[in-house]
Amino acid sequence: MAIFEYKREGGKLIGVSFNYTQDTFSDVVIYGDFFVFPEEEVDNLEKLIEGRNLSQVLDLIEDFFLSSVEVYGITKEDVKEVFKRAINEK
């Protein structure tokens, strides 16, 4: 299980934990000091990421931030960055 946390200067903490085998994600958990409304949308994003590769995950994150979800404390770049860095550290 990979666990990685990221906090840009002036931003909030975002962390991810997951398994990454054969270039696909599983058991994804996204957590941190940010707020998302409605809250269950983070769970939905985690489920969507299951079985996807990094390129697909980055597209899903883009779509997530273009949806009607409200996100406070982090940006789509923060979320993308935590996944990219976690893969590079793995």
PDB file of N, CA and C in Angstrom:
ATOM      1  N   MET A   1       0.851  -1.180   0.000  1.00  0.00           N
ATOM      2  CA  MET A   1       0.000   0.000   0.000  1.00  0.00           C
ATOM      3  C   MET A   1       0.892   1.237   0.000  1.00  0.00           C
ATOM      4  N   ALA A   2       0.661   2.122  -0.944  1.00  0.00           N
ATOM      5  CA  ALA A   2       1.383   3.388  -1.015  1.00  0.00           C
ATOM      6  C   ALA A   2       0.583   4.446  -0.264  1.00  0.00           C
ATOM      7  N   ILE A   3       1.285   5.268   0.490  1.00  0.00           N
ATOM      8  CA  ILE A   3       0.673   6.394   1.196  1.00  0.00           C
ATOM      9  C   ILE A   3       1.533   7.606   0.902  1.00  0.00           C
ATOM     10  N   PHE A   4       0.888   8.691   0.472  1.00  0.00           N
ATOM     11  CA  PHE A   4       1.646   9.889   0.153  1.00  0.00           C
ATOM     12  C   PHE A   4       0.814  11.105   0.516  1.00  0.00           C
ATOM     13  N   GLU A   5       1.480  12.121   1.065  1.00  0.00           N
ATOM     14  CA  GLU A   5       0.814  13.372   1.416  1.00  0.00           C
ATOM     15  C   GLU A   5       1.519  14.527   0.725  1.00  0.00           C
ATOM     16  N   TYR A   6       0.740  15.545   0.403  1.00  0.00           N
ATOM     17  CA  TYR A   6       1.260  16.709  -0.314  1.00  0.00           C
ATOM     18  C   TYR A   6       0.567  17.954   0.223  1.00  0.00           C
ATOM     19  N   LYS A   7       1.341  19.012   0.363  1.00  0.00           N
ATOM     20  CA  LYS A   7       0.782  20.306   0.764  1.00  0.00           C
ATOM     21  C   LYS A   7       1.579  21.383   0.055  1.00  0.00           C
ATOM     22  N   ARG A   8       0.909  22.098  -0.839  1.00  0.00           N
ATOM     23  CA  ARG A   8       1.597  23.202  -1.510  1.00  0.00           C
ATOM     24  C   ARG A   8       1.648  24.390  -0.551  1.00  0.00           C
ATOM     25  N   GLU A   9       2.564  25.294  -0.804  1.00  0.00           N
ATOM     26  CA  GLU A   9       2.698  26.473   0.046  1.00  0.00           C
ATOM     27  C   GLU A   9       1.388  27.261   0.032  1.00  0.00           C
ATOM     28  N   GLY A  10       0.861  27.510   1.212  1.00  0.00           N
ATOM     29  CA  GLY A  10      -0.389  28.244   1.343  1.00  0.00           C
ATOM     30  C   GLY A  10      -1.640  27.402   1.146  1.00  0.00           C
ATOM     31  N   GLY A  11      -1.460  26.123   0.854  1.00  0.00           N
ATOM     32  CA  GLY A  11      -2.605  25.242   0.614  1.00  0.00           C
ATOM     33  C   GLY A  11      -2.858  24.321   1.786  1.00  0.00           C
ATOM     34  N   LYS A  12      -3.804  23.459   1.620  1.00  0.00           N
ATOM     35  CA  LYS A  12      -4.167  22.468   2.634  1.00  0.00           C
ATOM     36  C   LYS A  12      -3.530  21.126   2.296  1.00  0.00           C
ATOM     37  N   LEU A  13      -3.448  20.275   3.296  1.00  0.00           N
ATOM     38  CA  LEU A  13      -2.887  18.939   3.131  1.00  0.00           C
ATOM     39  C   LEU A  13      -3.860  18.048   2.361  1.00  0.00           C
ATOM     40  N   ILE A  14      -3.314  17.279   1.424  1.00  0.00           N
ATOM     41  CA  ILE A  14      -4.075  16.222   0.768  1.00  0.00           C
ATOM     42  C   ILE A  14      -3.221  14.968   0.796  1.00  0.00           C
ATOM     43  N   GLY A  15      -3.847  13.859   1.110  1.00  0.00           N
ATOM     44  CA  GLY A  15      -3.136  12.586   1.149  1.00  0.00           C
ATOM     45  C   GLY A  15      -3.899  11.528   0.377  1.00  0.00           C
ATOM     46  N   VAL A  16      -3.152  10.539  -0.107  1.00  0.00           N
ATOM     47  CA  VAL A  16      -3.764   9.404  -0.791  1.00  0.00           C
ATOM     48  C   VAL A  16      -3.116   8.124  -0.298  1.00  0.00           C
ATOM     49  N   SER A  17      -3.902   7.098  -0.219  1.00  0.00           N
ATOM     50  CA  SER A  17      -3.358   5.758   0.002  1.00  0.00           C
ATOM     51  C   SER A  17      -4.018   4.855  -1.029  1.00  0.00           C
ATOM     52  N   PHE A  18      -3.247   3.897  -1.529  1.00  0.00           N
ATOM     53  CA  PHE A  18      -3.754   3.023  -2.583  1.00  0.00           C
ATOM     54  C   PHE A  18      -2.778   1.886  -2.829  1.00  0.00           C
ATOM     55  N   ASN A  19      -3.256   0.901  -3.545  1.00  0.00           N
ATOM     56  CA  ASN A  19      -2.401  -0.126  -4.126  1.00  0.00           C
ATOM     57  C   ASN A  19      -2.281   0.205  -5.606  1.00  0.00           C
ATOM     58  N   TYR A  20      -1.115  -0.076  -6.174  1.00  0.00           N
ATOM     59  CA  TYR A  20      -0.879   0.217  -7.589  1.00  0.00           C
ATOM     60  C   TYR A  20      -0.142  -0.966  -8.193  1.00  0.00           C
ATOM     61  N   THR A  21      -0.882  -1.818  -8.882  1.00  0.00           N
ATOM     62  CA  THR A  21      -0.282  -2.986  -9.514  1.00  0.00           C
ATOM     63  C   THR A  21      -0.707  -3.043 -10.969  1.00  0.00           C
ATOM     64  N   GLN A  22       0.211  -3.482 -11.795  1.00  0.00           N
ATOM     65  CA  GLN A  22      -0.020  -3.565 -13.239  1.00  0.00           C
ATOM     66  C   GLN A  22      -0.587  -2.251 -13.771  1.00  0.00           C
ATOM     67  N   ASP A  23      -0.014  -1.142 -13.286  1.00  0.00           N
ATOM     68  CA  ASP A  23      -0.382   0.208 -13.718  1.00  0.00           C
ATOM     69  C   ASP A  23      -1.834   0.584 -13.449  1.00  0.00           C
ATOM     70  N   THR A  24      -2.467  -0.054 -12.462  1.00  0.00           N
ATOM     71  CA  THR A  24      -3.829   0.323 -12.105  1.00  0.00           C
ATOM     72  C   THR A  24      -3.961   0.517 -10.595  1.00  0.00           C
ATOM     73  N   PHE A  25      -4.868   1.409 -10.231  1.00  0.00           N
ATOM     74  CA  PHE A  25      -5.117   1.750  -8.833  1.00  0.00           C
ATOM     75  C   PHE A  25      -6.197   0.857  -8.236  1.00  0.00           C
ATOM     76  N   SER A  26      -6.042   0.552  -6.946  1.00  0.00           N
ATOM     77  CA  SER A  26      -7.094  -0.119  -6.184  1.00  0.00           C
ATOM     78  C   SER A  26      -7.006   0.335  -4.730  1.00  0.00           C
ATOM     79  N   ASP A  27      -8.062   0.090  -3.977  1.00  0.00           N
ATOM     80  CA  ASP A  27      -8.127   0.439  -2.549  1.00  0.00           C
ATOM     81  C   ASP A  27      -7.764   1.905  -2.302  1.00  0.00           C
ATOM     82  N   VAL A  28      -8.323   2.794  -3.098  1.00  0.00           N
ATOM     83  CA  VAL A  28      -7.980   4.219  -3.060  1.00  0.00           C
ATOM     84  C   VAL A  28      -8.717   4.925  -1.926  1.00  0.00           C
ATOM     85  N   VAL A  29      -7.960   5.710  -1.152  1.00  0.00           N
ATOM     86  CA  VAL A  29      -8.527   6.580  -0.121  1.00  0.00           C
ATOM     87  C   VAL A  29      -7.891   7.954  -0.292  1.00  0.00           C
ATOM     88  N   ILE A  30      -8.734   8.985  -0.364  1.00  0.00           N
ATOM     89  CA  ILE A  30      -8.282  10.372  -0.470  1.00  0.00           C
ATOM     90  C   ILE A  30      -8.688  11.069   0.823  1.00  0.00           C
ATOM     91  N   TYR A  31      -7.744  11.753   1.450  1.00  0.00           N
ATOM     92  CA  TYR A  31      -8.035  12.393   2.740  1.00  0.00           C
ATOM     93  C   TYR A  31      -7.244  13.693   2.856  1.00  0.00           C
ATOM     94  N   GLY A  32      -7.557  14.490   3.871  1.00  0.00           N
ATOM     95  CA  GLY A  32      -6.794  15.707   4.108  1.00  0.00           C
ATOM     96  C   GLY A  32      -7.594  16.778   4.817  1.00  0.00           C
ATOM     97  N   ASP A  33      -7.032  17.987   4.787  1.00  0.00           N
ATOM     98  CA  ASP A  33      -7.593  19.138   5.493  1.00  0.00           C
ATOM     99  C   ASP A  33      -8.487  19.990   4.602  1.00  0.00           C
ATOM    100  N   PHE A  34      -9.095  19.419   3.620  1.00  0.00           N
ATOM    101  CA  PHE A  34      -9.916  20.149   2.663  1.00  0.00           C
ATOM    102  C   PHE A  34     -11.386  19.780   2.867  1.00  0.00           C
ATOM    103  N   PHE A  35     -12.260  20.513   2.193  1.00  0.00           N
ATOM    104  CA  PHE A  35     -13.698  20.266   2.287  1.00  0.00           C
ATOM    105  C   PHE A  35     -14.275  20.082   0.894  1.00  0.00           C
ATOM    106  N   VAL A  36     -15.179  19.129   0.772  1.00  0.00           N
ATOM    107  CA  VAL A  36     -15.882  18.874  -0.482  1.00  0.00           C
ATOM    108  C   VAL A  36     -17.370  18.766  -0.172  1.00  0.00           C
ATOM    109  N   PHE A  37     -18.185  19.453  -0.973  1.00  0.00           N
ATOM    110  CA  PHE A  37     -19.641  19.389  -0.830  1.00  0.00           C
ATOM    111  C   PHE A  37     -20.251  19.031  -2.169  1.00  0.00           C
ATOM    112  N   PRO A  38     -21.100  18.055  -2.239  1.00  0.00           N
ATOM    113  CA  PRO A  38     -21.465  17.153  -1.161  1.00  0.00           C
ATOM    114  C   PRO A  38     -20.316  16.206  -0.804  1.00  0.00           C
ATOM    115  N   GLU A  39     -20.227  15.871   0.471  1.00  0.00           N
ATOM    116  CA  GLU A  39     -19.105  15.088   0.999  1.00  0.00           C
ATOM    117  C   GLU A  39     -18.937  13.738   0.319  1.00  0.00           C
ATOM    118  N   GLU A  40     -20.036  13.106  -0.048  1.00  0.00           N
ATOM    119  CA  GLU A  40     -19.943  11.763  -0.637  1.00  0.00           C
ATOM    120  C   GLU A  40     -19.267  11.752  -2.004  1.00  0.00           C
ATOM    121  N   GLU A  41     -19.048  12.916  -2.584  1.00  0.00           N
ATOM    122  CA  GLU A  41     -18.388  12.968  -3.887  1.00  0.00           C
ATOM    123  C   GLU A  41     -16.936  12.497  -3.821  1.00  0.00           C
ATOM    124  N   VAL A  42     -16.285  12.647  -2.675  1.00  0.00           N
ATOM    125  CA  VAL A  42     -14.925  12.108  -2.528  1.00  0.00           C
ATOM    126  C   VAL A  42     -14.975  10.585  -2.612  1.00  0.00           C
ATOM    127  N   ASP A  43     -15.950   9.976  -1.942  1.00  0.00           N
ATOM    128  CA  ASP A  43     -16.124   8.520  -2.027  1.00  0.00           C
ATOM    129  C   ASP A  43     -16.387   8.091  -3.467  1.00  0.00           C
ATOM    130  N   ASN A  44     -17.208   8.854  -4.162  1.00  0.00           N
ATOM    131  CA  ASN A  44     -17.513   8.527  -5.556  1.00  0.00           C
ATOM    132  C   ASN A  44     -16.264   8.612  -6.428  1.00  0.00           C
ATOM    133  N   LEU A  45     -15.440   9.628  -6.206  1.00  0.00           N
ATOM    134  CA  LEU A  45     -14.192   9.758  -6.966  1.00  0.00           C
ATOM    135  C   LEU A  45     -13.270   8.579  -6.679  1.00  0.00           C
ATOM    136  N   GLU A  46     -13.157   8.203  -5.416  1.00  0.00           N
ATOM    137  CA  GLU A  46     -12.320   7.048  -5.056  1.00  0.00           C
ATOM    138  C   GLU A  46     -12.768   5.799  -5.811  1.00  0.00           C
ATOM    139  N   LYS A  47     -14.073   5.587  -5.883  1.00  0.00           N
ATOM    140  CA  LYS A  47     -14.609   4.413  -6.585  1.00  0.00           C
ATOM    141  C   LYS A  47     -14.334   4.487  -8.083  1.00  0.00           C
ATOM    142  N   LEU A  48     -14.447   5.679  -8.660  1.00  0.00           N
ATOM    143  CA  LEU A  48     -14.176   5.845 -10.088  1.00  0.00           C
ATOM    144  C   LEU A  48     -12.715   5.562 -10.432  1.00  0.00           C
ATOM    145  N   ILE A  49     -11.813   5.850  -9.508  1.00  0.00           N
ATOM    146  CA  ILE A  49     -10.379   5.664  -9.741  1.00  0.00           C
ATOM    147  C   ILE A  49     -10.000   4.184  -9.775  1.00  0.00           C
ATOM    148  N   GLU A  50     -10.764   3.356  -9.069  1.00  0.00           N
ATOM    149  CA  GLU A  50     -10.472   1.917  -8.999  1.00  0.00           C
ATOM    150  C   GLU A  50     -10.316   1.321 -10.398  1.00  0.00           C
ATOM    151  N   GLY A  51      -9.226   0.600 -10.620  1.00  0.00           N
ATOM    152  CA  GLY A  51      -9.003  -0.091 -11.884  1.00  0.00           C
ATOM    153  C   GLY A  51      -8.493   0.779 -13.016  1.00  0.00           C
ATOM    154  N   ARG A  52      -8.192   2.038 -12.726  1.00  0.00           N
ATOM    155  CA  ARG A  52      -7.733   2.978 -13.767  1.00  0.00           C
ATOM    156  C   ARG A  52      -6.228   3.173 -13.687  1.00  0.00           C
ATOM    157  N   ASN A  53      -5.641   3.628 -14.797  1.00  0.00           N
ATOM    158  CA  ASN A  53      -4.221   3.976 -14.801  1.00  0.00           C
ATOM    159  C   ASN A  53      -4.065   5.465 -14.491  1.00  0.00           C
ATOM    160  N   LEU A  54      -2.831   5.929 -14.363  1.00  0.00           N
ATOM    161  CA  LEU A  54      -2.586   7.316 -13.947  1.00  0.00           C
ATOM    162  C   LEU A  54      -3.183   8.317 -14.927  1.00  0.00           C
ATOM    163  N   SER A  55      -3.025   8.100 -16.209  1.00  0.00           N
ATOM    164  CA  SER A  55      -3.567   9.025 -17.205  1.00  0.00           C
ATOM    165  C   SER A  55      -5.081   9.145 -17.069  1.00  0.00           C
ATOM    166  N   GLN A  56      -5.747   8.028 -16.881  1.00  0.00           N
ATOM    167  CA  GLN A  56      -7.198   8.044 -16.702  1.00  0.00           C
ATOM    168  C   GLN A  56      -7.591   8.742 -15.406  1.00  0.00           C
ATOM    169  N   VAL A  57      -6.808   8.537 -14.357  1.00  0.00           N
ATOM    170  CA  VAL A  57      -7.082   9.182 -13.069  1.00  0.00           C
ATOM    171  C   VAL A  57      -6.962  10.697 -13.200  1.00  0.00           C
ATOM    172  N   LEU A  58      -5.951  11.163 -13.903  1.00  0.00           N
ATOM    173  CA  LEU A  58      -5.786  12.606 -14.092  1.00  0.00           C
ATOM    174  C   LEU A  58      -6.980  13.188 -14.843  1.00  0.00           C
ATOM    175  N   ASP A  59      -7.505  12.466 -15.820  1.00  0.00           N
ATOM    176  CA  ASP A  59      -8.709  12.912 -16.531  1.00  0.00           C
ATOM    177  C   ASP A  59      -9.925  12.922 -15.602  1.00  0.00           C
ATOM    178  N   LEU A  60     -10.052  11.910 -14.751  1.00  0.00           N
ATOM    179  CA  LEU A  60     -11.166  11.858 -13.796  1.00  0.00           C
ATOM    180  C   LEU A  60     -11.115  13.033 -12.823  1.00  0.00           C
ATOM    181  N   ILE A  61      -9.918  13.389 -12.389  1.00  0.00           N
ATOM    182  CA  ILE A  61      -9.759  14.531 -11.477  1.00  0.00           C
ATOM    183  C   ILE A  61     -10.195  15.811 -12.175  1.00  0.00           C
ATOM    184  N   GLU A  62      -9.810  15.962 -13.430  1.00  0.00           N
ATOM    185  CA  GLU A  62     -10.226  17.128 -14.223  1.00  0.00           C
ATOM    186  C   GLU A  62     -11.752  17.199 -14.284  1.00  0.00           C
ATOM    187  N   ASP A  63     -12.385  16.087 -14.604  1.00  0.00           N
ATOM    188  CA  ASP A  63     -13.850  16.038 -14.682  1.00  0.00           C
ATOM    189  C   ASP A  63     -14.495  16.333 -13.327  1.00  0.00           C
ATOM    190  N   PHE A  64     -13.902  15.823 -12.255  1.00  0.00           N
ATOM    191  CA  PHE A  64     -14.407  16.046 -10.901  1.00  0.00           C
ATOM    192  C   PHE A  64     -14.490  17.542 -10.605  1.00  0.00           C
ATOM    193  N   PHE A  65     -13.436  18.280 -10.950  1.00  0.00           N
ATOM    194  CA  PHE A  65     -13.412  19.711 -10.657  1.00  0.00           C
ATOM    195  C   PHE A  65     -14.277  20.520 -11.619  1.00  0.00           C
ATOM    196  N   LEU A  66     -14.615  19.960 -12.769  1.00  0.00           N
ATOM    197  CA  LEU A  66     -15.518  20.641 -13.702  1.00  0.00           C
ATOM    198  C   LEU A  66     -16.984  20.394 -13.358  1.00  0.00           C
ATOM    199  N   SER A  67     -17.239  19.429 -12.487  1.00  0.00           N
ATOM    200  CA  SER A  67     -18.613  19.105 -12.097  1.00  0.00           C
ATOM    201  C   SER A  67     -19.138  20.154 -11.119  1.00  0.00           C
ATOM    202  N   SER A  68     -20.334  19.937 -10.626  1.00  0.00           N
ATOM    203  CA  SER A  68     -20.969  20.907  -9.722  1.00  0.00           C
ATOM    204  C   SER A  68     -20.495  20.782  -8.278  1.00  0.00           C
ATOM    205  N   VAL A  69     -19.497  19.949  -8.036  1.00  0.00           N
ATOM    206  CA  VAL A  69     -18.962  19.757  -6.684  1.00  0.00           C
ATOM    207  C   VAL A  69     -18.258  21.041  -6.214  1.00  0.00           C
ATOM    208  N   GLU A  70     -18.376  21.342  -4.933  1.00  0.00           N
ATOM    209  CA  GLU A  70     -17.674  22.488  -4.349  1.00  0.00           C
ATOM    210  C   GLU A  70     -16.486  21.971  -3.552  1.00  0.00           C
ATOM    211  N   VAL A  71     -15.299  22.508  -3.838  1.00  0.00           N
ATOM    212  CA  VAL A  71     -14.066  22.061  -3.188  1.00  0.00           C
ATOM    213  C   VAL A  71     -13.377  23.277  -2.582  1.00  0.00           C
ATOM    214  N   TYR A  72     -12.997  23.163  -1.312  1.00  0.00           N
ATOM    215  CA  TYR A  72     -12.335  24.253  -0.600  1.00  0.00           C
ATOM    216  C   TYR A  72     -11.022  23.766  -0.001  1.00  0.00           C
ATOM    217  N   GLY A  73      -9.954  24.507  -0.228  1.00  0.00           N
ATOM    218  CA  GLY A  73      -8.667  24.213   0.399  1.00  0.00           C
ATOM    219  C   GLY A  73      -7.657  23.539  -0.499  1.00  0.00           C
ATOM    220  N   ILE A  74      -8.116  22.934  -1.592  1.00  0.00           N
ATOM    221  CA  ILE A  74      -7.207  22.299  -2.549  1.00  0.00           C
ATOM    222  C   ILE A  74      -7.678  22.626  -3.961  1.00  0.00           C
ATOM    223  N   THR A  75      -6.767  22.481  -4.900  1.00  0.00           N
ATOM    224  CA  THR A  75      -7.082  22.695  -6.309  1.00  0.00           C
ATOM    225  C   THR A  75      -6.969  21.374  -7.058  1.00  0.00           C
ATOM    226  N   LYS A  76      -7.440  21.371  -8.289  1.00  0.00           N
ATOM    227  CA  LYS A  76      -7.289  20.150  -9.091  1.00  0.00           C
ATOM    228  C   LYS A  76      -5.816  19.835  -9.308  1.00  0.00           C
ATOM    229  N   GLU A  77      -4.975  20.877  -9.389  1.00  0.00           N
ATOM    230  CA  GLU A  77      -3.542  20.651  -9.546  1.00  0.00           C
ATOM    231  C   GLU A  77      -2.960  19.950  -8.321  1.00  0.00           C
ATOM    232  N   ASP A  78      -3.452  20.287  -7.131  1.00  0.00           N
ATOM    233  CA  ASP A  78      -2.996  19.618  -5.904  1.00  0.00           C
ATOM    234  C   ASP A  78      -3.332  18.130  -5.939  1.00  0.00           C
ATOM    235  N   VAL A  79      -4.546  17.813  -6.364  1.00  0.00           N
ATOM    236  CA  VAL A  79      -4.981  16.415  -6.391  1.00  0.00           C
ATOM    237  C   VAL A  79      -4.177  15.638  -7.432  1.00  0.00           C
ATOM    238  N   LYS A  80      -3.997  16.230  -8.597  1.00  0.00           N
ATOM    239  CA  LYS A  80      -3.188  15.573  -9.629  1.00  0.00           C
ATOM    240  C   LYS A  80      -1.762  15.367  -9.141  1.00  0.00           C
ATOM    241  N   GLU A  81      -1.213  16.382  -8.506  1.00  0.00           N
ATOM    242  CA  GLU A  81       0.179  16.325  -8.044  1.00  0.00           C
ATOM    243  C   GLU A  81       0.391  15.230  -7.008  1.00  0.00           C
ATOM    244  N   VAL A  82      -0.544  15.067  -6.084  1.00  0.00           N
ATOM    245  CA  VAL A  82      -0.362  14.040  -5.054  1.00  0.00           C
ATOM    246  C   VAL A  82      -0.353  12.648  -5.681  1.00  0.00           C
ATOM    247  N   PHE A  83      -1.176  12.421  -6.688  1.00  0.00           N
ATOM    248  CA  PHE A  83      -1.162  11.115  -7.355  1.00  0.00           C
ATOM    249  C   PHE A  83       0.127  10.915  -8.151  1.00  0.00           C
ATOM    250  N   LYS A  84       0.551  11.935  -8.887  1.00  0.00           N
ATOM    251  CA  LYS A  84       1.784  11.803  -9.679  1.00  0.00           C
ATOM    252  C   LYS A  84       2.997  11.575  -8.786  1.00  0.00           C
ATOM    253  N   ARG A  85       3.091  12.340  -7.710  1.00  0.00           N
ATOM    254  CA  ARG A  85       4.232  12.176  -6.801  1.00  0.00           C
ATOM    255  C   ARG A  85       4.201  10.821  -6.099  1.00  0.00           C
ATOM    256  N   ALA A  86       3.020  10.382  -5.734  1.00  0.00           N
ATOM    257  CA  ALA A  86       2.911   9.083  -5.063  1.00  0.00           C
ATOM    258  C   ALA A  86       3.401   7.963  -5.973  1.00  0.00           C
ATOM    259  N   ILE A  87       3.060   8.018  -7.243  1.00  0.00           N
ATOM    260  CA  ILE A  87       3.512   6.993  -8.192  1.00  0.00           C
ATOM    261  C   ILE A  87       5.024   7.061  -8.363  1.00  0.00           C
ATOM    262  N   ASN A  88       5.573   8.257  -8.445  1.00  0.00           N
ATOM    263  CA  ASN A  88       7.025   8.409  -8.605  1.00  0.00           C
ATOM    264  C   ASN A  88       7.792   7.934  -7.381  1.00  0.00           C
ATOM    265  N   GLU A  89       7.185   8.069  -6.192  1.00  0.00           N
ATOM    266  CA  GLU A  89       7.830   7.636  -4.950  1.00  0.00           C
ATOM    267  C   GLU A  89       7.726   6.131  -4.751  1.00  0.00           C
ATOM    268  N   LYS A  90       6.731   5.522  -5.366  1.00  0.00           N
ATOM    269  CA  LYS A  90       6.447   4.095  -5.160  1.00  0.00           C
ATOM    270  C   LYS A  90       7.582   3.215  -5.654  1.00  0.00           C
TER     271      LYS A  90
END
